[in-house]
Amino acid sequence: MKIKVKVIPRAKINKIENLDDKSYRVHLTSPPLDGKANALLIKLLSKYFHISKSKVTIISGEKSRNKTVEVNVE
């Protein structure tokens, strides 16, 4: 399934907020440098959906706060 994610980097804690069925706000402690925030985003989403990290892919918005992410929960 495809979900919309708004990323808030440099937050105090890592947290995922479910805004509606396909929209999430994710607070990340990592700064948006060298792909560290994207790697942390994938790690958090994989834990949230109880799947492996390889089943989470950023489709668009790799350098943006607004991202489209593919999550294979099958």
PDB file of N, CA and C in Angstrom:
ATOM      1  N   MET A   1       0.845  -1.176   0.000  1.00  0.00           N
ATOM      2  CA  MET A   1       0.000   0.000   0.000  1.00  0.00           C
ATOM      3  C   MET A   1       0.889   1.239   0.000  1.00  0.00           C
ATOM      4  N   LYS A   2       0.386   2.308  -0.564  1.00  0.00           N
ATOM      5  CA  LYS A   2       1.114   3.572  -0.600  1.00  0.00           C
ATOM      6  C   LYS A   2       0.568   4.466   0.504  1.00  0.00           C
ATOM      7  N   ILE A   3       1.495   5.109   1.211  1.00  0.00           N
ATOM      8  CA  ILE A   3       1.093   6.029   2.269  1.00  0.00           C
ATOM      9  C   ILE A   3       1.811   7.362   2.075  1.00  0.00           C
ATOM     10  N   LYS A   4       1.214   8.412   2.575  1.00  0.00           N
ATOM     11  CA  LYS A   4       1.822   9.744   2.579  1.00  0.00           C
ATOM     12  C   LYS A   4       2.431   9.971   3.957  1.00  0.00           C
ATOM     13  N   VAL A   5       3.654  10.477   3.970  1.00  0.00           N
ATOM     14  CA  VAL A   5       4.364  10.688   5.225  1.00  0.00           C
ATOM     15  C   VAL A   5       4.902  12.114   5.262  1.00  0.00           C
ATOM     16  N   LYS A   6       4.628  12.814   6.344  1.00  0.00           N
ATOM     17  CA  LYS A   6       5.248  14.123   6.588  1.00  0.00           C
ATOM     18  C   LYS A   6       6.294  13.898   7.660  1.00  0.00           C
ATOM     19  N   VAL A   7       7.550  14.184   7.342  1.00  0.00           N
ATOM     20  CA  VAL A   7       8.669  13.943   8.245  1.00  0.00           C
ATOM     21  C   VAL A   7       9.044  15.228   8.965  1.00  0.00           C
ATOM     22  N   ILE A   8       9.256  15.108  10.271  1.00  0.00           N
ATOM     23  CA  ILE A   8       9.731  16.228  11.074  1.00  0.00           C
ATOM     24  C   ILE A   8      11.084  15.812  11.659  1.00  0.00           C
ATOM     25  N   PRO A   9      12.188  16.256  11.027  1.00  0.00           N
ATOM     26  CA  PRO A   9      13.517  15.874  11.518  1.00  0.00           C
ATOM     27  C   PRO A   9      13.913  16.661  12.760  1.00  0.00           C
ATOM     28  N   ARG A  10      14.949  16.169  13.435  1.00  0.00           N
ATOM     29  CA  ARG A  10      15.505  16.796  14.637  1.00  0.00           C
ATOM     30  C   ARG A  10      14.481  16.955  15.757  1.00  0.00           C
ATOM     31  N   ALA A  11      13.573  15.994  15.869  1.00  0.00           N
ATOM     32  CA  ALA A  11      12.592  16.012  16.959  1.00  0.00           C
ATOM     33  C   ALA A  11      13.244  15.491  18.236  1.00  0.00           C
ATOM     34  N   LYS A  12      12.577  15.660  19.349  1.00  0.00           N
ATOM     35  CA  LYS A  12      13.132  15.188  20.622  1.00  0.00           C
ATOM     36  C   LYS A  12      13.042  13.671  20.751  1.00  0.00           C
ATOM     37  N   ILE A  13      11.966  13.089  20.211  1.00  0.00           N
ATOM     38  CA  ILE A  13      11.802  11.637  20.269  1.00  0.00           C
ATOM     39  C   ILE A  13      11.322  11.125  18.909  1.00  0.00           C
ATOM     40  N   ASN A  14      11.546   9.842  18.657  1.00  0.00           N
ATOM     41  CA  ASN A  14      11.021   9.207  17.454  1.00  0.00           C
ATOM     42  C   ASN A  14       9.570   8.817  17.731  1.00  0.00           C
ATOM     43  N   LYS A  15       8.662   9.254  16.846  1.00  0.00           N
ATOM     44  CA  LYS A  15       7.246   9.009  17.079  1.00  0.00           C
ATOM     45  C   LYS A  15       6.516   8.978  15.737  1.00  0.00           C
ATOM     46  N   ILE A  16       5.541   8.088  15.619  1.00  0.00           N
ATOM     47  CA  ILE A  16       4.695   8.019  14.431  1.00  0.00           C
ATOM     48  C   ILE A  16       3.272   8.363  14.836  1.00  0.00           C
ATOM     49  N   GLU A  17       2.672   9.338  14.135  1.00  0.00           N
ATOM     50  CA  GLU A  17       1.282   9.726  14.365  1.00  0.00           C
ATOM     51  C   GLU A  17       0.464   9.321  13.149  1.00  0.00           C
ATOM     52  N   ASN A  18      -0.605   8.602  13.368  1.00  0.00           N
ATOM     53  CA  ASN A  18      -1.508   8.209  12.296  1.00  0.00           C
ATOM     54  C   ASN A  18      -2.551   9.310  12.126  1.00  0.00           C
ATOM     55  N   LEU A  19      -2.483  10.051  11.015  1.00  0.00           N
ATOM     56  CA  LEU A  19      -3.416  11.156  10.787  1.00  0.00           C
ATOM     57  C   LEU A  19      -4.735  10.659  10.231  1.00  0.00           C
ATOM     58  N   ASP A  20      -4.679   9.753   9.273  1.00  0.00           N
ATOM     59  CA  ASP A  20      -5.859   9.069   8.765  1.00  0.00           C
ATOM     60  C   ASP A  20      -5.412   7.742   8.161  1.00  0.00           C
ATOM     61  N   ASP A  21      -6.248   7.121   7.343  1.00  0.00           N
ATOM     62  CA  ASP A  21      -5.972   5.771   6.842  1.00  0.00           C
ATOM     63  C   ASP A  21      -4.657   5.672   6.071  1.00  0.00           C
ATOM     64  N   LYS A  22      -4.292   6.709   5.317  1.00  0.00           N
ATOM     65  CA  LYS A  22      -3.100   6.646   4.473  1.00  0.00           C
ATOM     66  C   LYS A  22      -2.135   7.803   4.697  1.00  0.00           C
ATOM     67  N   SER A  23      -2.275   8.532   5.796  1.00  0.00           N
ATOM     68  CA  SER A  23      -1.393   9.668   6.087  1.00  0.00           C
ATOM     69  C   SER A  23      -0.798   9.543   7.479  1.00  0.00           C
ATOM     70  N   TYR A  24       0.505   9.827   7.546  1.00  0.00           N
ATOM     71  CA  TYR A  24       1.218   9.722   8.813  1.00  0.00           C
ATOM     72  C   TYR A  24       2.131  10.924   8.982  1.00  0.00           C
ATOM     73  N   ARG A  25       2.351  11.310  10.242  1.00  0.00           N
ATOM     74  CA  ARG A  25       3.352  12.313  10.583  1.00  0.00           C
ATOM     75  C   ARG A  25       4.395  11.572  11.415  1.00  0.00           C
ATOM     76  N   VAL A  26       5.666  11.673  10.994  1.00  0.00           N
ATOM     77  CA  VAL A  26       6.728  10.940  11.669  1.00  0.00           C
ATOM     78  C   VAL A  26       7.766  11.926  12.201  1.00  0.00           C
ATOM     79  N   HIS A  27       7.983  11.887  13.498  1.00  0.00           N
ATOM     80  CA  HIS A  27       8.992  12.712  14.152  1.00  0.00           C
ATOM     81  C   HIS A  27      10.266  11.885  14.252  1.00  0.00           C
ATOM     82  N   LEU A  28      11.374  12.424  13.755  1.00  0.00           N
ATOM     83  CA  LEU A  28      12.649  11.716  13.753  1.00  0.00           C
ATOM     84  C   LEU A  28      13.696  12.516  14.519  1.00  0.00           C
ATOM     85  N   THR A  29      14.492  11.827  15.331  1.00  0.00           N
ATOM     86  CA  THR A  29      15.561  12.506  16.069  1.00  0.00           C
ATOM     87  C   THR A  29      16.747  12.811  15.174  1.00  0.00           C
ATOM     88  N   SER A  30      16.849  12.138  14.057  1.00  0.00           N
ATOM     89  CA  SER A  30      17.993  12.281  13.151  1.00  0.00           C
ATOM     90  C   SER A  30      17.889  13.558  12.310  1.00  0.00           C
ATOM     91  N   PRO A  31      19.016  14.193  12.022  1.00  0.00           N
ATOM     92  CA  PRO A  31      19.000  15.334  11.106  1.00  0.00           C
ATOM     93  C   PRO A  31      18.909  14.841   9.659  1.00  0.00           C
ATOM     94  N   PRO A  32      18.433  15.682   8.758  1.00  0.00           N
ATOM     95  CA  PRO A  32      18.286  15.260   7.357  1.00  0.00           C
ATOM     96  C   PRO A  32      19.609  15.366   6.582  1.00  0.00           C
ATOM     97  N   LEU A  33      20.628  14.660   7.035  1.00  0.00           N
ATOM     98  CA  LEU A  33      21.935  14.700   6.392  1.00  0.00           C
ATOM     99  C   LEU A  33      22.346  13.297   5.943  1.00  0.00           C
ATOM    100  N   ASP A  34      22.889  13.185   4.747  1.00  0.00           N
ATOM    101  CA  ASP A  34      23.450  11.935   4.223  1.00  0.00           C
ATOM    102  C   ASP A  34      22.477  10.765   4.273  1.00  0.00           C
ATOM    103  N   GLY A  35      21.182  11.030   4.164  1.00  0.00           N
ATOM    104  CA  GLY A  35      20.197   9.953   4.148  1.00  0.00           C
ATOM    105  C   GLY A  35      19.923   9.323   5.499  1.00  0.00           C
ATOM    106  N   LYS A  36      20.432   9.911   6.573  1.00  0.00           N
ATOM    107  CA  LYS A  36      20.230   9.335   7.907  1.00  0.00           C
ATOM    108  C   LYS A  36      18.766   9.382   8.320  1.00  0.00           C
ATOM    109  N   ALA A  37      18.078  10.467   8.003  1.00  0.00           N
ATOM    110  CA  ALA A  37      16.666  10.577   8.361  1.00  0.00           C
ATOM    111  C   ALA A  37      15.833   9.573   7.571  1.00  0.00           C
ATOM    112  N   ASN A  38      16.151   9.378   6.295  1.00  0.00           N
ATOM    113  CA  ASN A  38      15.414   8.399   5.486  1.00  0.00           C
ATOM    114  C   ASN A  38      15.637   6.983   6.004  1.00  0.00           C
ATOM    115  N   ALA A  39      16.859   6.670   6.406  1.00  0.00           N
ATOM    116  CA  ALA A  39      17.149   5.341   6.946  1.00  0.00           C
ATOM    117  C   ALA A  39      16.390   5.120   8.250  1.00  0.00           C
ATOM    118  N   LEU A  40      16.338   6.138   9.098  1.00  0.00           N
ATOM    119  CA  LEU A  40      15.595   6.027  10.352  1.00  0.00           C
ATOM    120  C   LEU A  40      14.095   5.915  10.075  1.00  0.00           C
ATOM    121  N   LEU A  41      13.599   6.645   9.088  1.00  0.00           N
ATOM    122  CA  LEU A  41      12.183   6.560   8.706  1.00  0.00           C
ATOM    123  C   LEU A  41      11.822   5.132   8.302  1.00  0.00           C
ATOM    124  N   ILE A  42      12.642   4.519   7.469  1.00  0.00           N
ATOM    125  CA  ILE A  42      12.385   3.146   7.026  1.00  0.00           C
ATOM    126  C   ILE A  42      12.407   2.190   8.221  1.00  0.00           C
ATOM    127  N   LYS A  43      13.354   2.384   9.116  1.00  0.00           N
ATOM    128  CA  LYS A  43      13.457   1.533  10.303  1.00  0.00           C
ATOM    129  C   LYS A  43      12.209   1.652  11.182  1.00  0.00           C
ATOM    130  N   LEU A  44      11.758   2.889  11.423  1.00  0.00           N
ATOM    131  CA  LEU A  44      10.583   3.098  12.270  1.00  0.00           C
ATOM    132  C   LEU A  44       9.308   2.551  11.633  1.00  0.00           C
ATOM    133  N   LEU A  45       9.143   2.786  10.320  1.00  0.00           N
ATOM    134  CA  LEU A  45       7.944   2.283   9.645  1.00  0.00           C
ATOM    135  C   LEU A  45       7.926   0.760   9.626  1.00  0.00           C
ATOM    136  N   SER A  46       9.077   0.125   9.468  1.00  0.00           N
ATOM    137  CA  SER A  46       9.108  -1.337   9.464  1.00  0.00           C
ATOM    138  C   SER A  46       8.711  -1.882  10.839  1.00  0.00           C
ATOM    139  N   LYS A  47       9.137  -1.227  11.909  1.00  0.00           N
ATOM    140  CA  LYS A  47       8.726  -1.647  13.251  1.00  0.00           C
ATOM    141  C   LYS A  47       7.239  -1.391  13.478  1.00  0.00           C
ATOM    142  N   TYR A  48       6.753  -0.248  13.004  1.00  0.00           N
ATOM    143  CA  TYR A  48       5.349   0.126  13.191  1.00  0.00           C
ATOM    144  C   TYR A  48       4.410  -0.872  12.510  1.00  0.00           C
ATOM    145  N   PHE A  49       4.765  -1.281  11.292  1.00  0.00           N
ATOM    146  CA  PHE A  49       3.925  -2.208  10.538  1.00  0.00           C
ATOM    147  C   PHE A  49       4.312  -3.672  10.758  1.00  0.00           C
ATOM    148  N   HIS A  50       5.340  -3.934  11.588  1.00  0.00           N
ATOM    149  CA  HIS A  50       5.800  -5.298  11.894  1.00  0.00           C
ATOM    150  C   HIS A  50       6.216  -6.064  10.640  1.00  0.00           C
ATOM    151  N   ILE A  51       7.048  -5.414   9.819  1.00  0.00           N
ATOM    152  CA  ILE A  51       7.572  -6.028   8.604  1.00  0.00           C
ATOM    153  C   ILE A  51       9.073  -5.764   8.538  1.00  0.00           C
ATOM    154  N   SER A  52       9.751  -6.413   7.600  1.00  0.00           N
ATOM    155  CA  SER A  52      11.186  -6.176   7.452  1.00  0.00           C
ATOM    156  C   SER A  52      11.431  -4.848   6.737  1.00  0.00           C
ATOM    157  N   LYS A  53      12.630  -4.301   6.941  1.00  0.00           N
ATOM    158  CA  LYS A  53      12.983  -3.009   6.329  1.00  0.00           C
ATOM    159  C   LYS A  53      12.980  -3.075   4.807  1.00  0.00           C
ATOM    160  N   SER A  54      13.235  -4.240   4.238  1.00  0.00           N
ATOM    161  CA  SER A  54      13.271  -4.372   2.781  1.00  0.00           C
ATOM    162  C   SER A  54      11.885  -4.213   2.147  1.00  0.00           C
ATOM    163  N   LYS A  55      10.835  -4.261   2.937  1.00  0.00           N
ATOM    164  CA  LYS A  55       9.473  -4.112   2.416  1.00  0.00           C
ATOM    165  C   LYS A  55       8.968  -2.676   2.502  1.00  0.00           C
ATOM    166  N   VAL A  56       9.836  -1.749   2.901  1.00  0.00           N
ATOM    167  CA  VAL A  56       9.496  -0.328   2.978  1.00  0.00           C
ATOM    168  C   VAL A  56      10.378   0.417   1.985  1.00  0.00           C
ATOM    169  N   THR A  57       9.755   1.146   1.045  1.00  0.00           N
ATOM    170  CA  THR A  57      10.486   1.857   0.001  1.00  0.00           C
ATOM    171  C   THR A  57       9.962   3.279  -0.127  1.00  0.00           C
ATOM    172  N   ILE A  58      10.872   4.243  -0.165  1.00  0.00           N
ATOM    173  CA  ILE A  58      10.481   5.633  -0.412  1.00  0.00           C
ATOM    174  C   ILE A  58      10.348   5.801  -1.924  1.00  0.00           C
ATOM    175  N   ILE A  59       9.130   6.082  -2.388  1.00  0.00           N
ATOM    176  CA  ILE A  59       8.864   6.210  -3.826  1.00  0.00           C
ATOM    177  C   ILE A  59       9.197   7.609  -4.322  1.00  0.00           C
ATOM    178  N   SER A  60       8.758   8.612  -3.577  1.00  0.00           N
ATOM    179  CA  SER A  60       9.057   9.988  -3.995  1.00  0.00           C
ATOM    180  C   SER A  60       9.277  10.857  -2.758  1.00  0.00           C
ATOM    181  N   GLY A  61      10.013  11.934  -2.941  1.00  0.00           N
ATOM    182  CA  GLY A  61      10.270  12.886  -1.872  1.00  0.00           C
ATOM    183  C   GLY A  61      11.461  12.551  -1.006  1.00  0.00           C
ATOM    184  N   GLU A  62      12.480  11.912  -1.574  1.00  0.00           N
ATOM    185  CA  GLU A  62      13.642  11.530  -0.773  1.00  0.00           C
ATOM    186  C   GLU A  62      14.334  12.737  -0.142  1.00  0.00           C
ATOM    187  N   LYS A  63      14.289  13.884  -0.783  1.00  0.00           N
ATOM    188  CA  LYS A  63      14.937  15.081  -0.249  1.00  0.00           C
ATOM    189  C   LYS A  63      13.905  16.102   0.234  1.00  0.00           C
ATOM    190  N   SER A  64      12.696  15.633   0.499  1.00  0.00           N
ATOM    191  CA  SER A  64      11.610  16.507   0.935  1.00  0.00           C
ATOM    192  C   SER A  64      11.043  16.001   2.256  1.00  0.00           C
ATOM    193  N   ARG A  65      10.337  16.856   2.951  1.00  0.00           N
ATOM    194  CA  ARG A  65       9.669  16.416   4.182  1.00  0.00           C
ATOM    195  C   ARG A  65       8.413  15.628   3.863  1.00  0.00           C
ATOM    196  N   ASN A  66       7.808  15.879   2.712  1.00  0.00           N
ATOM    197  CA  ASN A  66       6.606  15.163   2.299  1.00  0.00           C
ATOM    198  C   ASN A  66       7.004  14.025   1.384  1.00  0.00           C
ATOM    199  N   LYS A  67       6.717  12.807   1.787  1.00  0.00           N
ATOM    200  CA  LYS A  67       7.174  11.631   1.058  1.00  0.00           C
ATOM    201  C   LYS A  67       5.993  10.725   0.747  1.00  0.00           C
ATOM    202  N   THR A  68       6.148   9.938  -0.324  1.00  0.00           N
ATOM    203  CA  THR A  68       5.248   8.848  -0.623  1.00  0.00           C
ATOM    204  C   THR A  68       6.040   7.576  -0.405  1.00  0.00           C
ATOM    205  N   VAL A  69       5.492   6.676   0.409  1.00  0.00           N
ATOM    206  CA  VAL A  69       6.213   5.464   0.795  1.00  0.00           C
ATOM    207  C   VAL A  69       5.371   4.250   0.436  1.00  0.00           C
ATOM    208  N   GLU A  70       6.018   3.262  -0.145  1.00  0.00           N
ATOM    209  CA  GLU A  70       5.377   1.974  -0.456  1.00  0.00           C
ATOM    210  C   GLU A  70       5.665   1.024   0.696  1.00  0.00           C
ATOM    211  N   VAL A  71       4.605   0.450   1.271  1.00  0.00           N
ATOM    212  CA  VAL A  71       4.739  -0.495   2.375  1.00  0.00           C
ATOM    213  C   VAL A  71       4.061  -1.790   1.961  1.00  0.00           C
ATOM    214  N   ASN A  72       4.834  -2.877   1.860  1.00  0.00           N
ATOM    215  CA  ASN A  72       4.287  -4.196   1.516  1.00  0.00           C
ATOM    216  C   ASN A  72       4.004  -4.947   2.790  1.00  0.00           C
ATOM    217  N   VAL A  73       2.738  -4.978   3.192  1.00  0.00           N
ATOM    218  CA  VAL A  73       2.353  -5.620   4.446  1.00  0.00           C
ATOM    219  C   VAL A  73       1.840  -7.056   4.228  1.00  0.00           C
ATOM    220  N   GLU A  74       2.016  -7.586   3.057  1.00  0.00           N
ATOM    221  CA  GLU A  74       1.518  -8.940   2.752  1.00  0.00           C
ATOM    222  C   GLU A  74       2.284  -9.997   3.463  1.00  0.00           C
TER     223      GLU A  74
END
